[in-house]
Amino acid sequence: MMTVFEPQRFSIVDIENLRPHYARTCKDWLQNFDSVANRVRAMYSDEFVRMWRLYLAGSSAGFQSGTLQLFQVVFTPYGNNDVPWTREHLYRSMAAGGQPM
């Protein structure tokens, strides 16, 4: 990542692997999809429904097992020091019932 960002005069300030979050997200999406699968099947096809079920279940399994990874990279222009020191502001917001900033 450094070879991509540094020549463009960006500094990486945070990297987080969202893999565990996406394992759960895909699992939840699959449950939601299954709850409306009959409506989806009526609009598209049984093959379409099977394809999406496979995609969501496989993605969830891949993130759970570690064969799929998803990284969030936060970067800023060189010299910018106006960045949070920790991720505490994210968790404070969520604890108060808000959305992450």
PDB file of N, CA and C in Angstrom:
ATOM      1  N   MET A   1       0.832  -1.189   0.000  1.00  0.00           N
ATOM      2  CA  MET A   1       0.000   0.000   0.000  1.00  0.00           C
ATOM      3  C   MET A   1       0.879   1.255   0.000  1.00  0.00           C
ATOM      4  N   MET A   2       1.998   1.154   0.670  1.00  0.00           N
ATOM      5  CA  MET A   2       2.867   2.333   0.734  1.00  0.00           C
ATOM      6  C   MET A   2       3.357   2.732  -0.662  1.00  0.00           C
ATOM      7  N   THR A   3       3.616   1.752  -1.508  1.00  0.00           N
ATOM      8  CA  THR A   3       4.101   2.073  -2.856  1.00  0.00           C
ATOM      9  C   THR A   3       3.024   2.744  -3.703  1.00  0.00           C
ATOM     10  N   VAL A   4       1.769   2.584  -3.336  1.00  0.00           N
ATOM     11  CA  VAL A   4       0.675   3.245  -4.040  1.00  0.00           C
ATOM     12  C   VAL A   4       0.480   4.667  -3.506  1.00  0.00           C
ATOM     13  N   PHE A   5       0.473   4.816  -2.177  1.00  0.00           N
ATOM     14  CA  PHE A   5       0.113   6.101  -1.575  1.00  0.00           C
ATOM     15  C   PHE A   5       1.279   7.089  -1.500  1.00  0.00           C
ATOM     16  N   GLU A   6       2.447   6.639  -1.098  1.00  0.00           N
ATOM     17  CA  GLU A   6       3.548   7.576  -0.861  1.00  0.00           C
ATOM     18  C   GLU A   6       3.977   8.352  -2.107  1.00  0.00           C
ATOM     19  N   PRO A   7       4.071   7.748  -3.286  1.00  0.00           N
ATOM     20  CA  PRO A   7       4.442   8.556  -4.457  1.00  0.00           C
ATOM     21  C   PRO A   7       3.423   9.655  -4.790  1.00  0.00           C
ATOM     22  N   GLN A   8       2.188   9.502  -4.307  1.00  0.00           N
ATOM     23  CA  GLN A   8       1.151  10.504  -4.539  1.00  0.00           C
ATOM     24  C   GLN A   8       1.071  11.515  -3.393  1.00  0.00           C
ATOM     25  N   ARG A   9       2.042  11.423  -2.477  1.00  0.00           N
ATOM     26  CA  ARG A   9       2.153  12.318  -1.324  1.00  0.00           C
ATOM     27  C   ARG A   9       0.991  12.180  -0.355  1.00  0.00           C
ATOM     28  N   PHE A  10       0.630  10.929  -0.085  1.00  0.00           N
ATOM     29  CA  PHE A  10      -0.366  10.599   0.927  1.00  0.00           C
ATOM     30  C   PHE A  10       0.292   9.788   2.031  1.00  0.00           C
ATOM     31  N   SER A  11      -0.199   9.948   3.251  1.00  0.00           N
ATOM     32  CA  SER A  11       0.243   9.163   4.399  1.00  0.00           C
ATOM     33  C   SER A  11      -0.904   8.260   4.830  1.00  0.00           C
ATOM     34  N   ILE A  12      -0.613   7.007   5.070  1.00  0.00           N
ATOM     35  CA  ILE A  12      -1.620   6.096   5.627  1.00  0.00           C
ATOM     36  C   ILE A  12      -1.662   6.340   7.128  1.00  0.00           C
ATOM     37  N   VAL A  13      -2.866   6.605   7.656  1.00  0.00           N
ATOM     38  CA  VAL A  13      -2.997   6.881   9.083  1.00  0.00           C
ATOM     39  C   VAL A  13      -3.715   5.763   9.829  1.00  0.00           C
ATOM     40  N   ASP A  14      -4.398   4.878   9.105  1.00  0.00           N
ATOM     41  CA  ASP A  14      -5.086   3.777   9.781  1.00  0.00           C
ATOM     42  C   ASP A  14      -5.425   2.692   8.765  1.00  0.00           C
ATOM     43  N   ILE A  15      -5.320   1.459   9.191  1.00  0.00           N
ATOM     44  CA  ILE A  15      -5.739   0.308   8.391  1.00  0.00           C
ATOM     45  C   ILE A  15      -6.495  -0.621   9.322  1.00  0.00           C
ATOM     46  N   GLU A  16      -7.677  -1.048   8.877  1.00  0.00           N
ATOM     47  CA  GLU A  16      -8.472  -1.981   9.678  1.00  0.00           C
ATOM     48  C   GLU A  16      -8.978  -3.085   8.764  1.00  0.00           C
ATOM     49  N   ASN A  17      -8.863  -4.318   9.230  1.00  0.00           N
ATOM     50  CA  ASN A  17      -9.408  -5.447   8.494  1.00  0.00           C
ATOM     51  C   ASN A  17     -10.866  -5.623   8.929  1.00  0.00           C
ATOM     52  N   LEU A  18     -11.783  -5.455   8.000  1.00  0.00           N
ATOM     53  CA  LEU A  18     -13.212  -5.550   8.292  1.00  0.00           C
ATOM     54  C   LEU A  18     -13.745  -6.970   8.083  1.00  0.00           C
ATOM     55  N   ARG A  19     -12.856  -7.944   7.928  1.00  0.00           N
ATOM     56  CA  ARG A  19     -13.236  -9.330   7.653  1.00  0.00           C
ATOM     57  C   ARG A  19     -14.292  -9.871   8.609  1.00  0.00           C
ATOM     58  N   PRO A  20     -14.130  -9.769   9.937  1.00  0.00           N
ATOM     59  CA  PRO A  20     -15.152 -10.324  10.824  1.00  0.00           C
ATOM     60  C   PRO A  20     -16.504  -9.631  10.664  1.00  0.00           C
ATOM     61  N   HIS A  21     -16.478  -8.328  10.419  1.00  0.00           N
ATOM     62  CA  HIS A  21     -17.720  -7.577  10.236  1.00  0.00           C
ATOM     63  C   HIS A  21     -18.451  -8.045   8.982  1.00  0.00           C
ATOM     64  N   TYR A  22     -17.696  -8.287   7.918  1.00  0.00           N
ATOM     65  CA  TYR A  22     -18.325  -8.692   6.664  1.00  0.00           C
ATOM     66  C   TYR A  22     -18.808 -10.131   6.694  1.00  0.00           C
ATOM     67  N   ALA A  23     -18.186 -10.973   7.503  1.00  0.00           N
ATOM     68  CA  ALA A  23     -18.716 -12.336   7.677  1.00  0.00           C
ATOM     69  C   ALA A  23     -20.139 -12.249   8.222  1.00  0.00           C
ATOM     70  N   ARG A  24     -20.323 -11.426   9.228  1.00  0.00           N
ATOM     71  CA  ARG A  24     -21.658 -11.263   9.822  1.00  0.00           C
ATOM     72  C   ARG A  24     -22.603 -10.534   8.871  1.00  0.00           C
ATOM     73  N   THR A  25     -22.107  -9.500   8.195  1.00  0.00           N
ATOM     74  CA  THR A  25     -22.943  -8.734   7.277  1.00  0.00           C
ATOM     75  C   THR A  25     -23.497  -9.630   6.179  1.00  0.00           C
ATOM     76  N   CYS A  26     -22.648 -10.447   5.569  1.00  0.00           N
ATOM     77  CA  CYS A  26     -23.114 -11.342   4.500  1.00  0.00           C
ATOM     78  C   CYS A  26     -24.097 -12.373   5.039  1.00  0.00           C
ATOM     79  N   LYS A  27     -23.862 -12.854   6.242  1.00  0.00           N
ATOM     80  CA  LYS A  27     -24.800 -13.796   6.863  1.00  0.00           C
ATOM     81  C   LYS A  27     -26.161 -13.137   7.080  1.00  0.00           C
ATOM     82  N   ASP A  28     -26.150 -11.897   7.582  1.00  0.00           N
ATOM     83  CA  ASP A  28     -27.402 -11.156   7.790  1.00  0.00           C
ATOM     84  C   ASP A  28     -28.094 -10.862   6.457  1.00  0.00           C
ATOM     85  N   TRP A  29     -27.320 -10.494   5.448  1.00  0.00           N
ATOM     86  CA  TRP A  29     -27.910 -10.248   4.127  1.00  0.00           C
ATOM     87  C   TRP A  29     -28.569 -11.517   3.585  1.00  0.00           C
ATOM     88  N   LEU A  30     -27.935 -12.657   3.802  1.00  0.00           N
ATOM     89  CA  LEU A  30     -28.506 -13.921   3.343  1.00  0.00           C
ATOM     90  C   LEU A  30     -29.841 -14.197   4.042  1.00  0.00           C
ATOM     91  N   GLN A  31     -29.890 -13.965   5.347  1.00  0.00           N
ATOM     92  CA  GLN A  31     -31.156 -14.154   6.066  1.00  0.00           C
ATOM     93  C   GLN A  31     -32.242 -13.229   5.518  1.00  0.00           C
ATOM     94  N   ASN A  32     -31.893 -11.981   5.258  1.00  0.00           N
ATOM     95  CA  ASN A  32     -32.855 -11.034   4.687  1.00  0.00           C
ATOM     96  C   ASN A  32     -33.282 -11.459   3.289  1.00  0.00           C
ATOM     97  N   PHE A  33     -32.321 -11.904   2.494  1.00  0.00           N
ATOM     98  CA  PHE A  33     -32.633 -12.361   1.139  1.00  0.00           C
ATOM     99  C   PHE A  33     -33.570 -13.562   1.177  1.00  0.00           C
ATOM    100  N   ASP A  34     -33.267 -14.513   2.062  1.00  0.00           N
ATOM    101  CA  ASP A  34     -34.121 -15.700   2.177  1.00  0.00           C
ATOM    102  C   ASP A  34     -35.552 -15.341   2.562  1.00  0.00           C
ATOM    103  N   SER A  35     -35.715 -14.279   3.338  1.00  0.00           N
ATOM    104  CA  SER A  35     -37.063 -13.903   3.780  1.00  0.00           C
ATOM    105  C   SER A  35     -37.919 -13.354   2.630  1.00  0.00           C
ATOM    106  N   VAL A  36     -37.286 -12.946   1.542  1.00  0.00           N
ATOM    107  CA  VAL A  36     -38.027 -12.431   0.388  1.00  0.00           C
ATOM    108  C   VAL A  36     -37.716 -13.197  -0.895  1.00  0.00           C
ATOM    109  N   ALA A  37     -37.111 -14.361  -0.744  1.00  0.00           N
ATOM    110  CA  ALA A  37     -36.669 -15.131  -1.920  1.00  0.00           C
ATOM    111  C   ALA A  37     -37.811 -15.442  -2.877  1.00  0.00           C
ATOM    112  N   ASN A  38     -38.991 -15.722  -2.360  1.00  0.00           N
ATOM    113  CA  ASN A  38     -40.123 -16.028  -3.249  1.00  0.00           C
ATOM    114  C   ASN A  38     -40.498 -14.827  -4.114  1.00  0.00           C
ATOM    115  N   ARG A  39     -40.440 -13.647  -3.539  1.00  0.00           N
ATOM    116  CA  ARG A  39     -40.725 -12.434  -4.329  1.00  0.00           C
ATOM    117  C   ARG A  39     -39.646 -12.205  -5.379  1.00  0.00           C
ATOM    118  N   VAL A  40     -38.400 -12.440  -5.004  1.00  0.00           N
ATOM    119  CA  VAL A  40     -37.289 -12.278  -5.951  1.00  0.00           C
ATOM    120  C   VAL A  40     -37.430 -13.300  -7.080  1.00  0.00           C
ATOM    121  N   ARG A  41     -37.743 -14.530  -6.726  1.00  0.00           N
ATOM    122  CA  ARG A  41     -37.907 -15.598  -7.717  1.00  0.00           C
ATOM    123  C   ARG A  41     -39.013 -15.251  -8.715  1.00  0.00           C
ATOM    124  N   ALA A  42     -40.068 -14.614  -8.244  1.00  0.00           N
ATOM    125  CA  ALA A  42     -41.169 -14.227  -9.125  1.00  0.00           C
ATOM    126  C   ALA A  42     -40.734 -13.135 -10.115  1.00  0.00           C
ATOM    127  N   MET A  43     -39.773 -12.302  -9.717  1.00  0.00           N
ATOM    128  CA  MET A  43     -39.307 -11.222 -10.586  1.00  0.00           C
ATOM    129  C   MET A  43     -38.201 -11.679 -11.526  1.00  0.00           C
ATOM    130  N   TYR A  44     -37.384 -12.650 -11.084  1.00  0.00           N
ATOM    131  CA  TYR A  44     -36.231 -13.074 -11.878  1.00  0.00           C
ATOM    132  C   TYR A  44     -36.353 -14.561 -12.191  1.00  0.00           C
ATOM    133  N   SER A  45     -35.628 -15.402 -11.492  1.00  0.00           N
ATOM    134  CA  SER A  45     -35.691 -16.842 -11.771  1.00  0.00           C
ATOM    135  C   SER A  45     -35.146 -17.608 -10.582  1.00  0.00           C
ATOM    136  N   ASP A  46     -35.397 -18.897 -10.576  1.00  0.00           N
ATOM    137  CA  ASP A  46     -34.851 -19.755  -9.528  1.00  0.00           C
ATOM    138  C   ASP A  46     -33.323 -19.774  -9.605  1.00  0.00           C
ATOM    139  N   GLU A  47     -32.796 -19.758 -10.822  1.00  0.00           N
ATOM    140  CA  GLU A  47     -31.339 -19.740 -11.005  1.00  0.00           C
ATOM    141  C   GLU A  47     -30.736 -18.480 -10.362  1.00  0.00           C
ATOM    142  N   PHE A  48     -31.387 -17.333 -10.535  1.00  0.00           N
ATOM    143  CA  PHE A  48     -30.930 -16.085  -9.940  1.00  0.00           C
ATOM    144  C   PHE A  48     -30.908 -16.180  -8.417  1.00  0.00           C
ATOM    145  N   VAL A  49     -31.981 -16.726  -7.848  1.00  0.00           N
ATOM    146  CA  VAL A  49     -32.061 -16.880  -6.393  1.00  0.00           C
ATOM    147  C   VAL A  49     -30.949 -17.791  -5.897  1.00  0.00           C
ATOM    148  N   ARG A  50     -30.715 -18.917  -6.558  1.00  0.00           N
ATOM    149  CA  ARG A  50     -29.637 -19.838  -6.147  1.00  0.00           C
ATOM    150  C   ARG A  50     -28.270 -19.172  -6.253  1.00  0.00           C
ATOM    151  N   MET A  51     -28.069 -18.391  -7.326  1.00  0.00           N
ATOM    152  CA  MET A  51     -26.791 -17.707  -7.524  1.00  0.00           C
ATOM    153  C   MET A  51     -26.513 -16.740  -6.369  1.00  0.00           C
ATOM    154  N   TRP A  52     -27.518 -15.928  -5.986  1.00  0.00           N
ATOM    155  CA  TRP A  52     -27.317 -14.964  -4.911  1.00  0.00           C
ATOM    156  C   TRP A  52     -27.150 -15.646  -3.559  1.00  0.00           C
ATOM    157  N   ARG A  53     -27.878 -16.727  -3.333  1.00  0.00           N
ATOM    158  CA  ARG A  53     -27.713 -17.474  -2.083  1.00  0.00           C
ATOM    159  C   ARG A  53     -26.278 -18.003  -1.992  1.00  0.00           C
ATOM    160  N   LEU A  54     -25.784 -18.564  -3.092  1.00  0.00           N
ATOM    161  CA  LEU A  54     -24.415 -19.093  -3.115  1.00  0.00           C
ATOM    162  C   LEU A  54     -23.397 -17.979  -2.880  1.00  0.00           C
ATOM    163  N   TYR A  55     -23.605 -16.851  -3.545  1.00  0.00           N
ATOM    164  CA  TYR A  55     -22.687 -15.728  -3.391  1.00  0.00           C
ATOM    165  C   TYR A  55     -22.646 -15.250  -1.938  1.00  0.00           C
ATOM    166  N   LEU A  56     -23.808 -15.029  -1.330  1.00  0.00           N
ATOM    167  CA  LEU A  56     -23.842 -14.512   0.042  1.00  0.00           C
ATOM    168  C   LEU A  56     -23.327 -15.538   1.049  1.00  0.00           C
ATOM    169  N   ALA A  57     -23.738 -16.797   0.907  1.00  0.00           N
ATOM    170  CA  ALA A  57     -23.263 -17.838   1.828  1.00  0.00           C
ATOM    171  C   ALA A  57     -21.772 -18.070   1.657  1.00  0.00           C
ATOM    172  N   GLY A  58     -21.313 -18.111   0.409  1.00  0.00           N
ATOM    173  CA  GLY A  58     -19.881 -18.318   0.154  1.00  0.00           C
ATOM    174  C   GLY A  58     -19.030 -17.170   0.645  1.00  0.00           C
ATOM    175  N   SER A  59     -19.533 -15.943   0.456  1.00  0.00           N
ATOM    176  CA  SER A  59     -18.795 -14.773   0.940  1.00  0.00           C
ATOM    177  C   SER A  59     -18.706 -14.782   2.460  1.00  0.00           C
ATOM    178  N   SER A  60     -19.817 -15.086   3.116  1.00  0.00           N
ATOM    179  CA  SER A  60     -19.804 -15.158   4.575  1.00  0.00           C
ATOM    180  C   SER A  60     -18.802 -16.202   5.049  1.00  0.00           C
ATOM    181  N   ALA A  61     -18.831 -17.370   4.432  1.00  0.00           N
ATOM    182  CA  ALA A  61     -17.891 -18.437   4.809  1.00  0.00           C
ATOM    183  C   ALA A  61     -16.443 -18.037   4.535  1.00  0.00           C
ATOM    184  N   GLY A  62     -16.221 -17.374   3.415  1.00  0.00           N
ATOM    185  CA  GLY A  62     -14.868 -16.937   3.081  1.00  0.00           C
ATOM    186  C   GLY A  62     -14.322 -15.925   4.067  1.00  0.00           C
ATOM    187  N   PHE A  63     -15.151 -14.963   4.453  1.00  0.00           N
ATOM    188  CA  PHE A  63     -14.714 -13.984   5.460  1.00  0.00           C
ATOM    189  C   PHE A  63     -14.518 -14.660   6.815  1.00  0.00           C
ATOM    190  N   GLN A  64     -15.403 -15.579   7.165  1.00  0.00           N
ATOM    191  CA  GLN A  64     -15.303 -16.278   8.453  1.00  0.00           C
ATOM    192  C   GLN A  64     -14.026 -17.105   8.533  1.00  0.00           C
ATOM    193  N   SER A  65     -13.689 -17.796   7.456  1.00  0.00           N
ATOM    194  CA  SER A  65     -12.514 -18.684   7.465  1.00  0.00           C
ATOM    195  C   SER A  65     -11.200 -17.939   7.240  1.00  0.00           C
ATOM    196  N   GLY A  66     -11.292 -16.713   6.724  1.00  0.00           N
ATOM    197  CA  GLY A  66     -10.073 -15.945   6.482  1.00  0.00           C
ATOM    198  C   GLY A  66      -9.575 -16.037   5.056  1.00  0.00           C
ATOM    199  N   THR A  67     -10.285 -16.746   4.172  1.00  0.00           N
ATOM    200  CA  THR A  67      -9.848 -16.812   2.775  1.00  0.00           C
ATOM    201  C   THR A  67     -10.201 -15.537   2.016  1.00  0.00           C
ATOM    202  N   LEU A  68     -11.147 -14.755   2.539  1.00  0.00           N
ATOM    203  CA  LEU A  68     -11.450 -13.432   1.995  1.00  0.00           C
ATOM    204  C   LEU A  68     -11.069 -12.389   3.043  1.00  0.00           C
ATOM    205  N   GLN A  69     -10.526 -11.291   2.577  1.00  0.00           N
ATOM    206  CA  GLN A  69     -10.137 -10.191   3.455  1.00  0.00           C
ATOM    207  C   GLN A  69     -10.717  -8.907   2.893  1.00  0.00           C
ATOM    208  N   LEU A  70     -10.991  -7.956   3.756  1.00  0.00           N
ATOM    209  CA  LEU A  70     -11.444  -6.642   3.314  1.00  0.00           C
ATOM    210  C   LEU A  70     -10.811  -5.609   4.236  1.00  0.00           C
ATOM    211  N   PHE A  71      -9.946  -4.774   3.660  1.00  0.00           N
ATOM    212  CA  PHE A  71      -9.245  -3.768   4.438  1.00  0.00           C
ATOM    213  C   PHE A  71      -9.797  -2.382   4.151  1.00  0.00           C
ATOM    214  N   GLN A  72      -9.977  -1.609   5.197  1.00  0.00           N
ATOM    215  CA  GLN A  72     -10.303  -0.195   5.068  1.00  0.00           C
ATOM    216  C   GLN A  72      -9.032   0.578   5.357  1.00  0.00           C
ATOM    217  N   VAL A  73      -8.634   1.411   4.415  1.00  0.00           N
ATOM    218  CA  VAL A  73      -7.413   2.199   4.560  1.00  0.00           C
ATOM    219  C   VAL A  73      -7.797   3.673   4.626  1.00  0.00           C
ATOM    220  N   VAL A  74      -7.339   4.344   5.679  1.00  0.00           N
ATOM    221  CA  VAL A  74      -7.577   5.775   5.832  1.00  0.00           C
ATOM    222  C   VAL A  74      -6.245   6.472   5.546  1.00  0.00           C
ATOM    223  N   PHE A  75      -6.313   7.429   4.630  1.00  0.00           N
ATOM    224  CA  PHE A  75      -5.091   8.143   4.284  1.00  0.00           C
ATOM    225  C   PHE A  75      -5.375   9.631   4.203  1.00  0.00           C
ATOM    226  N   THR A  76      -4.299  10.415   4.263  1.00  0.00           N
ATOM    227  CA  THR A  76      -4.417  11.872   4.270  1.00  0.00           C
ATOM    228  C   THR A  76      -3.220  12.451   3.516  1.00  0.00           C
ATOM    229  N   PRO A  77      -3.340  13.673   3.032  1.00  0.00           N
ATOM    230  CA  PRO A  77      -2.182  14.301   2.394  1.00  0.00           C
ATOM    231  C   PRO A  77      -1.012  14.431   3.378  1.00  0.00           C
ATOM    232  N   TYR A  78       0.208  14.335   2.851  1.00  0.00           N
ATOM    233  CA  TYR A  78       1.395  14.527   3.688  1.00  0.00           C
ATOM    234  C   TYR A  78       1.258  15.789   4.516  1.00  0.00           C
ATOM    235  N   GLY A  79       1.678  15.721   5.746  1.00  0.00           N
ATOM    236  CA  GLY A  79       1.724  16.895   6.594  1.00  0.00           C
ATOM    237  C   GLY A  79       0.433  17.194   7.325  1.00  0.00           C
ATOM    238  N   ASN A  80      -0.654  16.518   6.987  1.00  0.00           N
ATOM    239  CA  ASN A  80      -1.914  16.768   7.694  1.00  0.00           C
ATOM    240  C   ASN A  80      -1.874  16.027   9.023  1.00  0.00           C
ATOM    241  N   ASN A  81      -1.907  16.785  10.108  1.00  0.00           N
ATOM    242  CA  ASN A  81      -1.912  16.185  11.441  1.00  0.00           C
ATOM    243  C   ASN A  81      -3.276  16.289  12.121  1.00  0.00           C
ATOM    244  N   ASP A  82      -4.267  16.744  11.383  1.00  0.00           N
ATOM    245  CA  ASP A  82      -5.617  16.893  11.930  1.00  0.00           C
ATOM    246  C   ASP A  82      -6.392  15.585  11.738  1.00  0.00           C
ATOM    247  N   VAL A  83      -5.922  14.556  12.392  1.00  0.00           N
ATOM    248  CA  VAL A  83      -6.545  13.229  12.309  1.00  0.00           C
ATOM    249  C   VAL A  83      -6.731  12.687  13.722  1.00  0.00           C
ATOM    250  N   PRO A  84      -7.771  11.876  13.949  1.00  0.00           N
ATOM    251  CA  PRO A  84      -7.964  11.312  15.291  1.00  0.00           C
ATOM    252  C   PRO A  84      -6.781  10.433  15.705  1.00  0.00           C
ATOM    253  N   TRP A  85      -6.479  10.435  16.972  1.00  0.00           N
ATOM    254  CA  TRP A  85      -5.392   9.613  17.502  1.00  0.00           C
ATOM    255  C   TRP A  85      -5.826   8.168  17.669  1.00  0.00           C
ATOM    256  N   THR A  86      -7.094   7.967  17.909  1.00  0.00           N
ATOM    257  CA  THR A  86      -7.623   6.619  18.121  1.00  0.00           C
ATOM    258  C   THR A  86      -8.949   6.484  17.368  1.00  0.00           C
ATOM    259  N   ARG A  87      -9.567   5.331  17.481  1.00  0.00           N
ATOM    260  CA  ARG A  87     -10.898   5.102  16.901  1.00  0.00           C
ATOM    261  C   ARG A  87     -12.004   5.326  17.943  1.00  0.00           C
ATOM    262  N   GLU A  88     -11.630   5.878  19.090  1.00  0.00           N
ATOM    263  CA  GLU A  88     -12.582   6.050  20.188  1.00  0.00           C
ATOM    264  C   GLU A  88     -13.827   6.827  19.766  1.00  0.00           C
ATOM    265  N   HIS A  89     -13.674   7.831  18.931  1.00  0.00           N
ATOM    266  CA  HIS A  89     -14.827   8.633  18.492  1.00  0.00           C
ATOM    267  C   HIS A  89     -15.856   7.770  17.750  1.00  0.00           C
ATOM    268  N   LEU A  90     -15.418   6.742  17.070  1.00  0.00           N
ATOM    269  CA  LEU A  90     -16.350   5.845  16.383  1.00  0.00           C
ATOM    270  C   LEU A  90     -17.195   5.068  17.375  1.00  0.00           C
ATOM    271  N   TYR A  91     -16.546   4.549  18.391  1.00  0.00           N
ATOM    272  CA  TYR A  91     -17.243   3.704  19.355  1.00  0.00           C
ATOM    273  C   TYR A  91     -18.120   4.520  20.295  1.00  0.00           C
ATOM    274  N   ARG A  92     -17.717   5.729  20.625  1.00  0.00           N
ATOM    275  CA  ARG A  92     -18.545   6.622  21.440  1.00  0.00           C
ATOM    276  C   ARG A  92     -19.843   6.926  20.721  1.00  0.00           C
ATOM    277  N   SER A  93     -19.740   7.229  19.450  1.00  0.00           N
ATOM    278  CA  SER A  93     -20.920   7.549  18.639  1.00  0.00           C
ATOM    279  C   SER A  93     -21.864   6.360  18.579  1.00  0.00           C
ATOM    280  N   MET A  94     -21.346   5.187  18.384  1.00  0.00           N
ATOM    281  CA  MET A  94     -22.172   3.986  18.280  1.00  0.00           C
ATOM    282  C   MET A  94     -22.812   3.650  19.624  1.00  0.00           C
ATOM    283  N   ALA A  95     -22.101   3.859  20.711  1.00  0.00           N
ATOM    284  CA  ALA A  95     -22.645   3.559  22.041  1.00  0.00           C
ATOM    285  C   ALA A  95     -23.815   4.488  22.367  1.00  0.00           C
ATOM    286  N   ALA A  96     -23.790   5.682  21.790  1.00  0.00           N
ATOM    287  CA  ALA A  96     -24.859   6.652  22.019  1.00  0.00           C
ATOM    288  C   ALA A  96     -26.039   6.421  21.071  1.00  0.00           C
ATOM    289  N   GLY A  97     -25.948   5.346  20.281  1.00  0.00           N
ATOM    290  CA  GLY A  97     -27.036   5.018  19.370  1.00  0.00           C
ATOM    291  C   GLY A  97     -26.914   5.658  18.004  1.00  0.00           C
ATOM    292  N   GLY A  98     -25.818   6.328  17.775  1.00  0.00           N
ATOM    293  CA  GLY A  98     -25.626   6.981  16.476  1.00  0.00           C
ATOM    294  C   GLY A  98     -24.917   6.075  15.482  1.00  0.00           C
ATOM    295  N   GLN A  99     -24.684   6.610  14.340  1.00  0.00           N
ATOM    296  CA  GLN A  99     -23.951   5.907  13.294  1.00  0.00           C
ATOM    297  C   GLN A  99     -22.470   6.260  13.420  1.00  0.00           C
ATOM    298  N   PRO A 100     -21.602   5.339  12.999  1.00  0.00           N
ATOM    299  CA  PRO A 100     -20.170   5.675  13.031  1.00  0.00           C
ATOM    300  C   PRO A 100     -19.891   6.873  12.142  1.00  0.00           C
ATOM    301  N   MET A 101     -18.941   7.689  12.581  1.00  0.00           N
ATOM    302  CA  MET A 101     -18.602   8.885  11.793  1.00  0.00           C
ATOM    303  C   MET A 101     -17.674   8.506  10.663  1.00  0.00           C
TER     304      MET A 101
END
